[in-house]
Amino acid sequence: MADVSAPELKEAIADVRSDATDTAWCLFGYEGKSKIVFERKGSGGVDEMVAALDDAKVSYCLLRVVSGDQESKRVKFVCVIASHTRGEHASRHAVCPSPIMISCSVEYGRHACGQ
């Protein structure tokens, strides 16, 4: 099982979920074979998040989006797993496909990050 115990993981997720900040996404990756670490966060939306991804790594992201119309705006959260399934990362992805989603679900409830 992946180690998701670092406090900065929860802090980054809380920052994205907070209405008091403009942080729109956070990005996590692996350190070694089983430790999940915080890598980056930003306020530029999905395009900025996609630009931050590294094709050579498995990454987990939490993205904040606003949906609705002029009358009613709603905040939604999307968990993203970005992986190229070749080489050593393919086996790592298969063994532990979604530790951040699991952590997110445990910490904030299923509505925040579904599977």
PDB file of N, CA and C in Angstrom:
ATOM      1  N   MET A   1       0.851  -1.186   0.000  1.00  0.00           N
ATOM      2  CA  MET A   1       0.000   0.000   0.000  1.00  0.00           C
ATOM      3  C   MET A   1       0.892   1.242   0.000  1.00  0.00           C
ATOM      4  N   ALA A   2       0.454   2.239  -0.682  1.00  0.00           N
ATOM      5  CA  ALA A   2       1.215   3.487  -0.773  1.00  0.00           C
ATOM      6  C   ALA A   2       1.139   4.255   0.542  1.00  0.00           C
ATOM      7  N   ASP A   3       2.228   4.930   0.862  1.00  0.00           N
ATOM      8  CA  ASP A   3       2.303   5.760   2.056  1.00  0.00           C
ATOM      9  C   ASP A   3       1.771   7.154   1.715  1.00  0.00           C
ATOM     10  N   VAL A   4       0.621   7.497   2.278  1.00  0.00           N
ATOM     11  CA  VAL A   4       0.010   8.815   2.048  1.00  0.00           C
ATOM     12  C   VAL A   4      -0.088   9.595   3.363  1.00  0.00           C
ATOM     13  N   SER A   5       0.883   9.371   4.248  1.00  0.00           N
ATOM     14  CA  SER A   5       0.810   9.936   5.590  1.00  0.00           C
ATOM     15  C   SER A   5       1.396  11.343   5.728  1.00  0.00           C
ATOM     16  N   ALA A   6       2.099  11.834   4.734  1.00  0.00           N
ATOM     17  CA  ALA A   6       2.732  13.156   4.855  1.00  0.00           C
ATOM     18  C   ALA A   6       1.686  14.253   5.025  1.00  0.00           C
ATOM     19  N   PRO A   7       1.855  15.135   6.005  1.00  0.00           N
ATOM     20  CA  PRO A   7       0.857  16.186   6.255  1.00  0.00           C
ATOM     21  C   PRO A   7       0.659  17.137   5.084  1.00  0.00           C
ATOM     22  N   GLU A   8       1.701  17.337   4.256  1.00  0.00           N
ATOM     23  CA  GLU A   8       1.541  18.260   3.126  1.00  0.00           C
ATOM     24  C   GLU A   8       0.546  17.748   2.086  1.00  0.00           C
ATOM     25  N   LEU A   9       0.263  16.458   2.062  1.00  0.00           N
ATOM     26  CA  LEU A   9      -0.766  15.927   1.154  1.00  0.00           C
ATOM     27  C   LEU A   9      -2.133  16.463   1.564  1.00  0.00           C
ATOM     28  N   LYS A  10      -2.455  16.329   2.834  1.00  0.00           N
ATOM     29  CA  LYS A  10      -3.745  16.821   3.337  1.00  0.00           C
ATOM     30  C   LYS A  10      -3.848  18.338   3.206  1.00  0.00           C
ATOM     31  N   GLU A  11      -2.736  19.033   3.459  1.00  0.00           N
ATOM     32  CA  GLU A  11      -2.736  20.498   3.346  1.00  0.00           C
ATOM     33  C   GLU A  11      -3.011  20.944   1.911  1.00  0.00           C
ATOM     34  N   ALA A  12      -2.411  20.256   0.935  1.00  0.00           N
ATOM     35  CA  ALA A  12      -2.627  20.611  -0.470  1.00  0.00           C
ATOM     36  C   ALA A  12      -4.073  20.357  -0.880  1.00  0.00           C
ATOM     37  N   ILE A  13      -4.624  19.228  -0.445  1.00  0.00           N
ATOM     38  CA  ILE A  13      -6.019  18.911  -0.752  1.00  0.00           C
ATOM     39  C   ILE A  13      -6.944  19.943  -0.112  1.00  0.00           C
ATOM     40  N   ALA A  14      -6.672  20.298   1.140  1.00  0.00           N
ATOM     41  CA  ALA A  14      -7.495  21.303   1.829  1.00  0.00           C
ATOM     42  C   ALA A  14      -7.415  22.653   1.130  1.00  0.00           C
ATOM     43  N   ASP A  15      -6.249  23.000   0.603  1.00  0.00           N
ATOM     44  CA  ASP A  15      -6.073  24.267  -0.104  1.00  0.00           C
ATOM     45  C   ASP A  15      -6.934  24.314  -1.369  1.00  0.00           C
ATOM     46  N   VAL A  16      -6.963  23.229  -2.122  1.00  0.00           N
ATOM     47  CA  VAL A  16      -7.795  23.169  -3.332  1.00  0.00           C
ATOM     48  C   VAL A  16      -9.271  23.255  -2.960  1.00  0.00           C
ATOM     49  N   ARG A  17      -9.653  22.604  -1.890  1.00  0.00           N
ATOM     50  CA  ARG A  17     -11.064  22.570  -1.480  1.00  0.00           C
ATOM     51  C   ARG A  17     -11.543  23.867  -0.828  1.00  0.00           C
ATOM     52  N   SER A  18     -10.622  24.710  -0.396  1.00  0.00           N
ATOM     53  CA  SER A  18     -10.988  25.928   0.324  1.00  0.00           C
ATOM     54  C   SER A  18     -11.551  26.998  -0.615  1.00  0.00           C
ATOM     55  N   ASP A  19     -12.636  27.624  -0.191  1.00  0.00           N
ATOM     56  CA  ASP A  19     -13.198  28.750  -0.930  1.00  0.00           C
ATOM     57  C   ASP A  19     -12.390  30.031  -0.686  1.00  0.00           C
ATOM     58  N   ALA A  20     -11.515  30.011   0.301  1.00  0.00           N
ATOM     59  CA  ALA A  20     -10.757  31.205   0.669  1.00  0.00           C
ATOM     60  C   ALA A  20      -9.487  31.396  -0.161  1.00  0.00           C
ATOM     61  N   THR A  21      -9.097  30.398  -0.961  1.00  0.00           N
ATOM     62  CA  THR A  21      -7.890  30.523  -1.789  1.00  0.00           C
ATOM     63  C   THR A  21      -8.261  30.389  -3.262  1.00  0.00           C
ATOM     64  N   ASP A  22      -7.343  30.793  -4.134  1.00  0.00           N
ATOM     65  CA  ASP A  22      -7.593  30.645  -5.567  1.00  0.00           C
ATOM     66  C   ASP A  22      -6.912  29.395  -6.137  1.00  0.00           C
ATOM     67  N   THR A  23      -6.396  28.520  -5.281  1.00  0.00           N
ATOM     68  CA  THR A  23      -5.750  27.288  -5.733  1.00  0.00           C
ATOM     69  C   THR A  23      -6.779  26.395  -6.409  1.00  0.00           C
ATOM     70  N   ALA A  24      -6.494  26.018  -7.658  1.00  0.00           N
ATOM     71  CA  ALA A  24      -7.443  25.239  -8.453  1.00  0.00           C
ATOM     72  C   ALA A  24      -7.046  23.774  -8.598  1.00  0.00           C
ATOM     73  N   TRP A  25      -5.798  23.453  -8.321  1.00  0.00           N
ATOM     74  CA  TRP A  25      -5.363  22.065  -8.476  1.00  0.00           C
ATOM     75  C   TRP A  25      -4.112  21.804  -7.645  1.00  0.00           C
ATOM     76  N   CYS A  26      -3.904  20.516  -7.349  1.00  0.00           N
ATOM     77  CA  CYS A  26      -2.652  20.084  -6.729  1.00  0.00           C
ATOM     78  C   CYS A  26      -2.231  18.771  -7.383  1.00  0.00           C
ATOM     79  N   LEU A  27      -0.929  18.535  -7.376  1.00  0.00           N
ATOM     80  CA  LEU A  27      -0.330  17.412  -8.094  1.00  0.00           C
ATOM     81  C   LEU A  27       0.543  16.619  -7.136  1.00  0.00           C
ATOM     82  N   PHE A  28       0.399  15.298  -7.180  1.00  0.00           N
ATOM     83  CA  PHE A  28       1.156  14.391  -6.330  1.00  0.00           C
ATOM     84  C   PHE A  28       1.877  13.375  -7.194  1.00  0.00           C
ATOM     85  N   GLY A  29       2.977  12.865  -6.687  1.00  0.00           N
ATOM     86  CA  GLY A  29       3.717  11.832  -7.400  1.00  0.00           C
ATOM     87  C   GLY A  29       4.368  10.883  -6.410  1.00  0.00           C
ATOM     88  N   TYR A  30       5.196  10.013  -6.934  1.00  0.00           N
ATOM     89  CA  TYR A  30       5.889   9.027  -6.109  1.00  0.00           C
ATOM     90  C   TYR A  30       7.287   9.492  -5.721  1.00  0.00           C
ATOM     91  N   GLU A  31       7.684   9.157  -4.515  1.00  0.00           N
ATOM     92  CA  GLU A  31       9.074   9.220  -4.078  1.00  0.00           C
ATOM     93  C   GLU A  31       9.431   7.780  -3.743  1.00  0.00           C
ATOM     94  N   GLY A  32      10.379   7.236  -4.461  1.00  0.00           N
ATOM     95  CA  GLY A  32      10.661   5.811  -4.299  1.00  0.00           C
ATOM     96  C   GLY A  32       9.545   4.997  -4.917  1.00  0.00           C
ATOM     97  N   LYS A  33       9.296   3.833  -4.353  1.00  0.00           N
ATOM     98  CA  LYS A  33       8.297   2.939  -4.955  1.00  0.00           C
ATOM     99  C   LYS A  33       6.931   3.010  -4.304  1.00  0.00           C
ATOM    100  N   SER A  34       6.826   3.592  -3.107  1.00  0.00           N
ATOM    101  CA  SER A  34       5.523   3.537  -2.458  1.00  0.00           C
ATOM    102  C   SER A  34       5.115   4.791  -1.688  1.00  0.00           C
ATOM    103  N   LYS A  35       5.944   5.818  -1.645  1.00  0.00           N
ATOM    104  CA  LYS A  35       5.584   7.021  -0.903  1.00  0.00           C
ATOM    105  C   LYS A  35       5.027   8.075  -1.858  1.00  0.00           C
ATOM    106  N   ILE A  36       3.824   8.557  -1.556  1.00  0.00           N
ATOM    107  CA  ILE A  36       3.199   9.613  -2.347  1.00  0.00           C
ATOM    108  C   ILE A  36       3.621  10.955  -1.746  1.00  0.00           C
ATOM    109  N   VAL A  37       4.068  11.872  -2.621  1.00  0.00           N
ATOM    110  CA  VAL A  37       4.541  13.180  -2.166  1.00  0.00           C
ATOM    111  C   VAL A  37       3.836  14.296  -2.938  1.00  0.00           C
ATOM    112  N   PHE A  38       3.694  15.430  -2.261  1.00  0.00           N
ATOM    113  CA  PHE A  38       3.177  16.641  -2.899  1.00  0.00           C
ATOM    114  C   PHE A  38       4.236  17.173  -3.850  1.00  0.00           C
ATOM    115  N   GLU A  39       3.823  17.560  -5.068  1.00  0.00           N
ATOM    116  CA  GLU A  39       4.776  18.119  -6.032  1.00  0.00           C
ATOM    117  C   GLU A  39       4.514  19.585  -6.345  1.00  0.00           C
ATOM    118  N   ARG A  40       3.276  19.917  -6.708  1.00  0.00           N
ATOM    119  CA  ARG A  40       2.970  21.290  -7.118  1.00  0.00           C
ATOM    120  C   ARG A  40       1.510  21.598  -6.899  1.00  0.00           C
ATOM    121  N   LYS A  41       1.199  22.882  -6.969  1.00  0.00           N
ATOM    122  CA  LYS A  41      -0.198  23.321  -7.005  1.00  0.00           C
ATOM    123  C   LYS A  41      -0.249  24.600  -7.810  1.00  0.00           C
ATOM    124  N   GLY A  42      -1.453  24.965  -8.251  1.00  0.00           N
ATOM    125  CA  GLY A  42      -1.576  26.169  -9.043  1.00  0.00           C
ATOM    126  C   GLY A  42      -2.999  26.682  -9.084  1.00  0.00           C
ATOM    127  N   SER A  43      -3.155  27.858  -9.671  1.00  0.00           N
ATOM    128  CA  SER A  43      -4.470  28.498  -9.755  1.00  0.00           C
ATOM    129  C   SER A  43      -4.930  28.671 -11.202  1.00  0.00           C
ATOM    130  N   GLY A  44      -4.175  28.127 -12.153  1.00  0.00           N
ATOM    131  CA  GLY A  44      -4.455  28.359 -13.562  1.00  0.00           C
ATOM    132  C   GLY A  44      -5.434  27.406 -14.221  1.00  0.00           C
ATOM    133  N   GLY A  45      -6.058  26.528 -13.480  1.00  0.00           N
ATOM    134  CA  GLY A  45      -7.059  25.641 -14.063  1.00  0.00           C
ATOM    135  C   GLY A  45      -6.466  24.418 -14.732  1.00  0.00           C
ATOM    136  N   VAL A  46      -7.310  23.752 -15.495  1.00  0.00           N
ATOM    137  CA  VAL A  46      -6.943  22.457 -16.068  1.00  0.00           C
ATOM    138  C   VAL A  46      -5.766  22.551 -17.034  1.00  0.00           C
ATOM    139  N   ASP A  47      -5.685  23.588 -17.824  1.00  0.00           N
ATOM    140  CA  ASP A  47      -4.574  23.716 -18.776  1.00  0.00           C
ATOM    141  C   ASP A  47      -3.230  23.820 -18.055  1.00  0.00           C
ATOM    142  N   GLU A  48      -3.180  24.599 -17.004  1.00  0.00           N
ATOM    143  CA  GLU A  48      -1.957  24.714 -16.218  1.00  0.00           C
ATOM    144  C   GLU A  48      -1.613  23.383 -15.553  1.00  0.00           C
ATOM    145  N   MET A  49      -2.624  22.671 -15.045  1.00  0.00           N
ATOM    146  CA  MET A  49      -2.394  21.383 -14.412  1.00  0.00           C
ATOM    147  C   MET A  49      -1.824  20.378 -15.409  1.00  0.00           C
ATOM    148  N   VAL A  50      -2.410  20.314 -16.601  1.00  0.00           N
ATOM    149  CA  VAL A  50      -1.934  19.383 -17.633  1.00  0.00           C
ATOM    150  C   VAL A  50      -0.494  19.725 -18.027  1.00  0.00           C
ATOM    151  N   ALA A  51      -0.166  20.996 -18.116  1.00  0.00           N
ATOM    152  CA  ALA A  51       1.197  21.405 -18.462  1.00  0.00           C
ATOM    153  C   ALA A  51       2.203  20.984 -17.386  1.00  0.00           C
ATOM    154  N   ALA A  52       1.755  20.845 -16.147  1.00  0.00           N
ATOM    155  CA  ALA A  52       2.645  20.464 -15.048  1.00  0.00           C
ATOM    156  C   ALA A  52       2.919  18.961 -14.993  1.00  0.00           C
ATOM    157  N   LEU A  53       2.136  18.168 -15.720  1.00  0.00           N
ATOM    158  CA  LEU A  53       2.323  16.718 -15.701  1.00  0.00           C
ATOM    159  C   LEU A  53       3.607  16.318 -16.407  1.00  0.00           C
ATOM    160  N   ASP A  54       4.235  15.287 -15.898  1.00  0.00           N
ATOM    161  CA  ASP A  54       5.456  14.742 -16.480  1.00  0.00           C
ATOM    162  C   ASP A  54       5.097  13.401 -17.117  1.00  0.00           C
ATOM    163  N   ASP A  55       5.296  13.280 -18.429  1.00  0.00           N
ATOM    164  CA  ASP A  55       4.935  12.054 -19.144  1.00  0.00           C
ATOM    165  C   ASP A  55       5.668  10.818 -18.641  1.00  0.00           C
ATOM    166  N   ALA A  56       6.779  11.005 -17.975  1.00  0.00           N
ATOM    167  CA  ALA A  56       7.580   9.871 -17.525  1.00  0.00           C
ATOM    168  C   ALA A  56       7.180   9.386 -16.126  1.00  0.00           C
ATOM    169  N   LYS A  57       6.189  10.030 -15.510  1.00  0.00           N
ATOM    170  CA  LYS A  57       5.826   9.697 -14.139  1.00  0.00           C
ATOM    171  C   LYS A  57       4.340   9.424 -13.999  1.00  0.00           C
ATOM    172  N   VAL A  58       4.015   8.629 -12.980  1.00  0.00           N
ATOM    173  CA  VAL A  58       2.621   8.468 -12.570  1.00  0.00           C
ATOM    174  C   VAL A  58       2.290   9.657 -11.676  1.00  0.00           C
ATOM    175  N   SER A  59       1.190  10.331 -11.958  1.00  0.00           N
ATOM    176  CA  SER A  59       0.792  11.491 -11.173  1.00  0.00           C
ATOM    177  C   SER A  59      -0.665  11.374 -10.761  1.00  0.00           C
ATOM    178  N   TYR A  60      -0.973  11.979  -9.629  1.00  0.00           N
ATOM    179  CA  TYR A  60      -2.334  12.056  -9.118  1.00  0.00           C
ATOM    180  C   TYR A  60      -2.641  13.526  -8.893  1.00  0.00           C
ATOM    181  N   CYS A  61      -3.811  13.963  -9.327  1.00  0.00           N
ATOM    182  CA  CYS A  61      -4.169  15.380  -9.216  1.00  0.00           C
ATOM    183  C   CYS A  61      -5.566  15.526  -8.632  1.00  0.00           C
ATOM    184  N   LEU A  62      -5.772  16.612  -7.938  1.00  0.00           N
ATOM    185  CA  LEU A  62      -7.105  17.029  -7.519  1.00  0.00           C
ATOM    186  C   LEU A  62      -7.364  18.365  -8.193  1.00  0.00           C
ATOM    187  N   LEU A  63      -8.457  18.448  -8.935  1.00  0.00           N
ATOM    188  CA  LEU A  63      -8.798  19.634  -9.715  1.00  0.00           C
ATOM    189  C   LEU A  63     -10.128  20.204  -9.237  1.00  0.00           C
ATOM    190  N   ARG A  64     -10.152  21.511  -9.003  1.00  0.00           N
ATOM    191  CA  ARG A  64     -11.379  22.224  -8.613  1.00  0.00           C
ATOM    192  C   ARG A  64     -11.943  22.889  -9.859  1.00  0.00           C
ATOM    193  N   VAL A  65     -13.219  22.647 -10.144  1.00  0.00           N
ATOM    194  CA  VAL A  65     -13.877  23.290 -11.282  1.00  0.00           C
ATOM    195  C   VAL A  65     -15.196  23.890 -10.813  1.00  0.00           C
ATOM    196  N   VAL A  66     -15.610  24.933 -11.500  1.00  0.00           N
ATOM    197  CA  VAL A  66     -16.896  25.568 -11.214  1.00  0.00           C
ATOM    198  C   VAL A  66     -17.812  25.289 -12.394  1.00  0.00           C
ATOM    199  N   SER A  67     -19.001  24.764 -12.092  1.00  0.00           N
ATOM    200  CA  SER A  67     -19.965  24.474 -13.155  1.00  0.00           C
ATOM    201  C   SER A  67     -21.266  25.219 -12.871  1.00  0.00           C
ATOM    202  N   GLY A  68     -22.131  25.221 -13.839  1.00  0.00           N
ATOM    203  CA  GLY A  68     -23.418  25.882 -13.686  1.00  0.00           C
ATOM    204  C   GLY A  68     -23.566  27.041 -14.648  1.00  0.00           C
ATOM    205  N   ASP A  69     -24.568  27.859 -14.381  1.00  0.00           N
ATOM    206  CA  ASP A  69     -24.840  29.007 -15.240  1.00  0.00           C
ATOM    207  C   ASP A  69     -24.763  30.294 -14.419  1.00  0.00           C
ATOM    208  N   GLN A  70     -25.236  31.389 -14.986  1.00  0.00           N
ATOM    209  CA  GLN A  70     -25.158  32.673 -14.292  1.00  0.00           C
ATOM    210  C   GLN A  70     -25.984  32.697 -13.015  1.00  0.00           C
ATOM    211  N   GLU A  71     -27.029  31.912 -12.979  1.00  0.00           N
ATOM    212  CA  GLU A  71     -27.928  31.897 -11.825  1.00  0.00           C
ATOM    213  C   GLU A  71     -27.418  31.018 -10.683  1.00  0.00           C
ATOM    214  N   SER A  72     -26.690  29.983 -11.026  1.00  0.00           N
ATOM    215  CA  SER A  72     -26.277  29.015 -10.011  1.00  0.00           C
ATOM    216  C   SER A  72     -24.925  28.412 -10.360  1.00  0.00           C
ATOM    217  N   LYS A  73     -23.935  28.708  -9.560  1.00  0.00           N
ATOM    218  CA  LYS A  73     -22.588  28.161  -9.753  1.00  0.00           C
ATOM    219  C   LYS A  73     -22.325  27.124  -8.667  1.00  0.00           C
ATOM    220  N   ARG A  74     -21.721  26.011  -9.072  1.00  0.00           N
ATOM    221  CA  ARG A  74     -21.395  24.945  -8.139  1.00  0.00           C
ATOM    222  C   ARG A  74     -19.941  24.544  -8.304  1.00  0.00           C
ATOM    223  N   VAL A  75     -19.285  24.297  -7.181  1.00  0.00           N
ATOM    224  CA  VAL A  75     -17.907  23.826  -7.202  1.00  0.00           C
ATOM    225  C   VAL A  75     -17.924  22.302  -7.218  1.00  0.00           C
ATOM    226  N   LYS A  76     -17.130  21.726  -8.107  1.00  0.00           N
ATOM    227  CA  LYS A  76     -16.981  20.272  -8.222  1.00  0.00           C
ATOM    228  C   LYS A  76     -15.506  19.938  -8.113  1.00  0.00           C
ATOM    229  N   PHE A  77     -15.209  18.736  -7.670  1.00  0.00           N
ATOM    230  CA  PHE A  77     -13.829  18.282  -7.537  1.00  0.00           C
ATOM    231  C   PHE A  77     -13.631  17.023  -8.361  1.00  0.00           C
ATOM    232  N   VAL A  78     -12.519  16.999  -9.081  1.00  0.00           N
ATOM    233  CA  VAL A  78     -12.209  15.878  -9.966  1.00  0.00           C
ATOM    234  C   VAL A  78     -10.848  15.319  -9.566  1.00  0.00           C
ATOM    235  N   CYS A  79     -10.788  14.007  -9.353  1.00  0.00           N
ATOM    236  CA  CYS A  79      -9.505  13.340  -9.115  1.00  0.00           C
ATOM    237  C   CYS A  79      -9.022  12.778 -10.441  1.00  0.00           C
ATOM    238  N   VAL A  80      -7.769  13.037 -10.754  1.00  0.00           N
ATOM    239  CA  VAL A  80      -7.190  12.639 -12.037  1.00  0.00           C
ATOM    240  C   VAL A  80      -5.988  11.745 -11.774  1.00  0.00           C
ATOM    241  N   ILE A  81      -5.930  10.620 -12.480  1.00  0.00           N
ATOM    242  CA  ILE A  81      -4.747   9.761 -12.463  1.00  0.00           C
ATOM    243  C   ILE A  81      -4.112   9.882 -13.833  1.00  0.00           C
ATOM    244  N   ALA A  82      -2.881  10.360 -13.877  1.00  0.00           N
ATOM    245  CA  ALA A  82      -2.173  10.525 -15.146  1.00  0.00           C
ATOM    246  C   ALA A  82      -1.032   9.519 -15.176  1.00  0.00           C
ATOM    247  N   SER A  83      -1.073   8.622 -16.150  1.00  0.00           N
ATOM    248  CA  SER A  83      -0.064   7.577 -16.203  1.00  0.00           C
ATOM    249  C   SER A  83       0.143   7.110 -17.627  1.00  0.00           C
ATOM    250  N   HIS A  84       1.390   6.915 -17.987  1.00  0.00           N
ATOM    251  CA  HIS A  84       1.728   6.217 -19.228  1.00  0.00           C
ATOM    252  C   HIS A  84       2.097   4.812 -18.803  1.00  0.00           C
ATOM    253  N   THR A  85       1.375   3.838 -19.274  1.00  0.00           N
ATOM    254  CA  THR A  85       1.520   2.477 -18.755  1.00  0.00           C
ATOM    255  C   THR A  85       2.566   1.673 -19.501  1.00  0.00           C
ATOM    256  N   ARG A  86       3.769   2.186 -19.562  1.00  0.00           N
ATOM    257  CA  ARG A  86       4.898   1.458 -20.126  1.00  0.00           C
ATOM    258  C   ARG A  86       5.999   1.376 -19.086  1.00  0.00           C
ATOM    259  N   GLY A  87       6.809   0.335 -19.176  1.00  0.00           N
ATOM    260  CA  GLY A  87       7.972   0.213 -18.305  1.00  0.00           C
ATOM    261  C   GLY A  87       7.600  -0.033 -16.859  1.00  0.00           C
ATOM    262  N   GLU A  88       8.462   0.424 -15.951  1.00  0.00           N
ATOM    263  CA  GLU A  88       8.270   0.159 -14.534  1.00  0.00           C
ATOM    264  C   GLU A  88       7.017   0.820 -13.974  1.00  0.00           C
ATOM    265  N   HIS A  89       6.601   1.939 -14.550  1.00  0.00           N
ATOM    266  CA  HIS A  89       5.426   2.635 -14.034  1.00  0.00           C
ATOM    267  C   HIS A  89       4.141   1.860 -14.275  1.00  0.00           C
ATOM    268  N   ALA A  90       4.119   1.017 -15.282  1.00  0.00           N
ATOM    269  CA  ALA A  90       2.926   0.209 -15.553  1.00  0.00           C
ATOM    270  C   ALA A  90       2.641  -0.712 -14.386  1.00  0.00           C
ATOM    271  N   SER A  91       3.657  -1.375 -13.874  1.00  0.00           N
ATOM    272  CA  SER A  91       3.427  -2.283 -12.752  1.00  0.00           C
ATOM    273  C   SER A  91       3.076  -1.516 -11.487  1.00  0.00           C
ATOM    274  N   ARG A  92       3.683  -0.377 -11.264  1.00  0.00           N
ATOM    275  CA  ARG A  92       3.376   0.439 -10.088  1.00  0.00           C
ATOM    276  C   ARG A  92       1.922   0.904 -10.137  1.00  0.00           C
ATOM    277  N   HIS A  93       1.482   1.327 -11.304  1.00  0.00           N
ATOM    278  CA  HIS A  93       0.109   1.790 -11.472  1.00  0.00           C
ATOM    279  C   HIS A  93      -0.884   0.658 -11.234  1.00  0.00           C
ATOM    280  N   ALA A  94      -0.558  -0.530 -11.688  1.00  0.00           N
ATOM    281  CA  ALA A  94      -1.459  -1.675 -11.517  1.00  0.00           C
ATOM    282  C   ALA A  94      -1.565  -2.088 -10.056  1.00  0.00           C
ATOM    283  N   VAL A  95      -0.464  -2.000  -9.310  1.00  0.00           N
ATOM    284  CA  VAL A  95      -0.470  -2.414  -7.915  1.00  0.00           C
ATOM    285  C   VAL A  95      -1.246  -1.427  -7.051  1.00  0.00           C
ATOM    286  N   CYS A  96      -1.062  -0.158  -7.276  1.00  0.00           N
ATOM    287  CA  CYS A  96      -1.720   0.858  -6.447  1.00  0.00           C
ATOM    288  C   CYS A  96      -2.285   1.951  -7.344  1.00  0.00           C
ATOM    289  N   PRO A  97      -3.459   1.725  -7.943  1.00  0.00           N
ATOM    290  CA  PRO A  97      -3.966   2.651  -8.947  1.00  0.00           C
ATOM    291  C   PRO A  97      -4.422   4.004  -8.432  1.00  0.00           C
ATOM    292  N   SER A  98      -4.826   4.106  -7.167  1.00  0.00           N
ATOM    293  CA  SER A  98      -5.401   5.383  -6.755  1.00  0.00           C
ATOM    294  C   SER A  98      -5.235   5.700  -5.273  1.00  0.00           C
ATOM    295  N   PRO A  99      -4.017   5.755  -4.755  1.00  0.00           N
ATOM    296  CA  PRO A  99      -3.869   6.059  -3.330  1.00  0.00           C
ATOM    297  C   PRO A  99      -4.355   7.444  -2.953  1.00  0.00           C
ATOM    298  N   ILE A 100      -4.197   8.432  -3.822  1.00  0.00           N
ATOM    299  CA  ILE A 100      -4.662   9.778  -3.493  1.00  0.00           C
ATOM    300  C   ILE A 100      -6.188   9.810  -3.465  1.00  0.00           C
ATOM    301  N   MET A 101      -6.838   9.126  -4.430  1.00  0.00           N
ATOM    302  CA  MET A 101      -8.301   9.075  -4.397  1.00  0.00           C
ATOM    303  C   MET A 101      -8.782   8.418  -3.123  1.00  0.00           C
ATOM    304  N   ILE A 102      -8.111   7.341  -2.715  1.00  0.00           N
ATOM    305  CA  ILE A 102      -8.499   6.663  -1.487  1.00  0.00           C
ATOM    306  C   ILE A 102      -8.307   7.605  -0.302  1.00  0.00           C
ATOM    307  N   SER A 103      -7.171   8.281  -0.242  1.00  0.00           N
ATOM    308  CA  SER A 103      -6.897   9.220   0.834  1.00  0.00           C
ATOM    309  C   SER A 103      -7.911  10.354   0.831  1.00  0.00           C
ATOM    310  N   CYS A 104      -8.220  10.864  -0.341  1.00  0.00           N
ATOM    311  CA  CYS A 104      -9.170  11.952  -0.494  1.00  0.00           C
ATOM    312  C   CYS A 104     -10.558  11.518  -0.017  1.00  0.00           C
ATOM    313  N   SER A 105     -10.957  10.314  -0.379  1.00  0.00           N
ATOM    314  CA  SER A 105     -12.264   9.803   0.021  1.00  0.00           C
ATOM    315  C   SER A 105     -12.348   9.634   1.520  1.00  0.00           C
ATOM    316  N   VAL A 106     -11.295   9.096   2.123  1.00  0.00           N
ATOM    317  CA  VAL A 106     -11.286   8.897   3.559  1.00  0.00           C
ATOM    318  C   VAL A 106     -11.324  10.229   4.284  1.00  0.00           C
ATOM    319  N   GLU A 107     -10.560  11.195   3.795  1.00  0.00           N
ATOM    320  CA  GLU A 107     -10.425  12.466   4.476  1.00  0.00           C
ATOM    321  C   GLU A 107     -11.644  13.370   4.286  1.00  0.00           C
ATOM    322  N   TYR A 108     -12.223  13.368   3.097  1.00  0.00           N
ATOM    323  CA  TYR A 108     -13.241  14.371   2.789  1.00  0.00           C
ATOM    324  C   TYR A 108     -14.583  13.802   2.336  1.00  0.00           C
ATOM    325  N   GLY A 109     -14.735  12.499   2.301  1.00  0.00           N
ATOM    326  CA  GLY A 109     -16.000  11.920   1.881  1.00  0.00           C
ATOM    327  C   GLY A 109     -16.052  11.639   0.406  1.00  0.00           C
ATOM    328  N   ARG A 110     -16.902  10.718   0.021  1.00  0.00           N
ATOM    329  CA  ARG A 110     -16.971  10.277  -1.370  1.00  0.00           C
ATOM    330  C   ARG A 110     -17.355  11.382  -2.337  1.00  0.00           C
ATOM    331  N   HIS A 111     -18.105  12.358  -1.895  1.00  0.00           N
ATOM    332  CA  HIS A 111     -18.502  13.428  -2.809  1.00  0.00           C
ATOM    333  C   HIS A 111     -17.304  14.212  -3.326  1.00  0.00           C
ATOM    334  N   ALA A 112     -16.208  14.229  -2.572  1.00  0.00           N
ATOM    335  CA  ALA A 112     -15.038  15.010  -2.987  1.00  0.00           C
ATOM    336  C   ALA A 112     -14.276  14.310  -4.082  1.00  0.00           C
ATOM    337  N   CYS A 113     -14.058  13.018  -3.945  1.00  0.00           N
ATOM    338  CA  CYS A 113     -13.283  12.270  -4.926  1.00  0.00           C
ATOM    339  C   CYS A 113     -13.896  10.895  -5.076  1.00  0.00           C
ATOM    340  N   GLY A 114     -14.523  10.654  -6.197  1.00  0.00           N
ATOM    341  CA  GLY A 114     -15.124   9.346  -6.438  1.00  0.00           C
ATOM    342  C   GLY A 114     -14.203   8.458  -7.197  1.00  0.00           C
ATOM    343  N   GLN A 115     -14.576   7.207  -7.295  1.00  0.00           N
ATOM    344  CA  GLN A 115     -13.758   6.254  -8.044  1.00  0.00           C
ATOM    345  C   GLN A 115     -14.371   5.976  -9.385  1.00  0.00           C
TER     346      GLN A 115
END
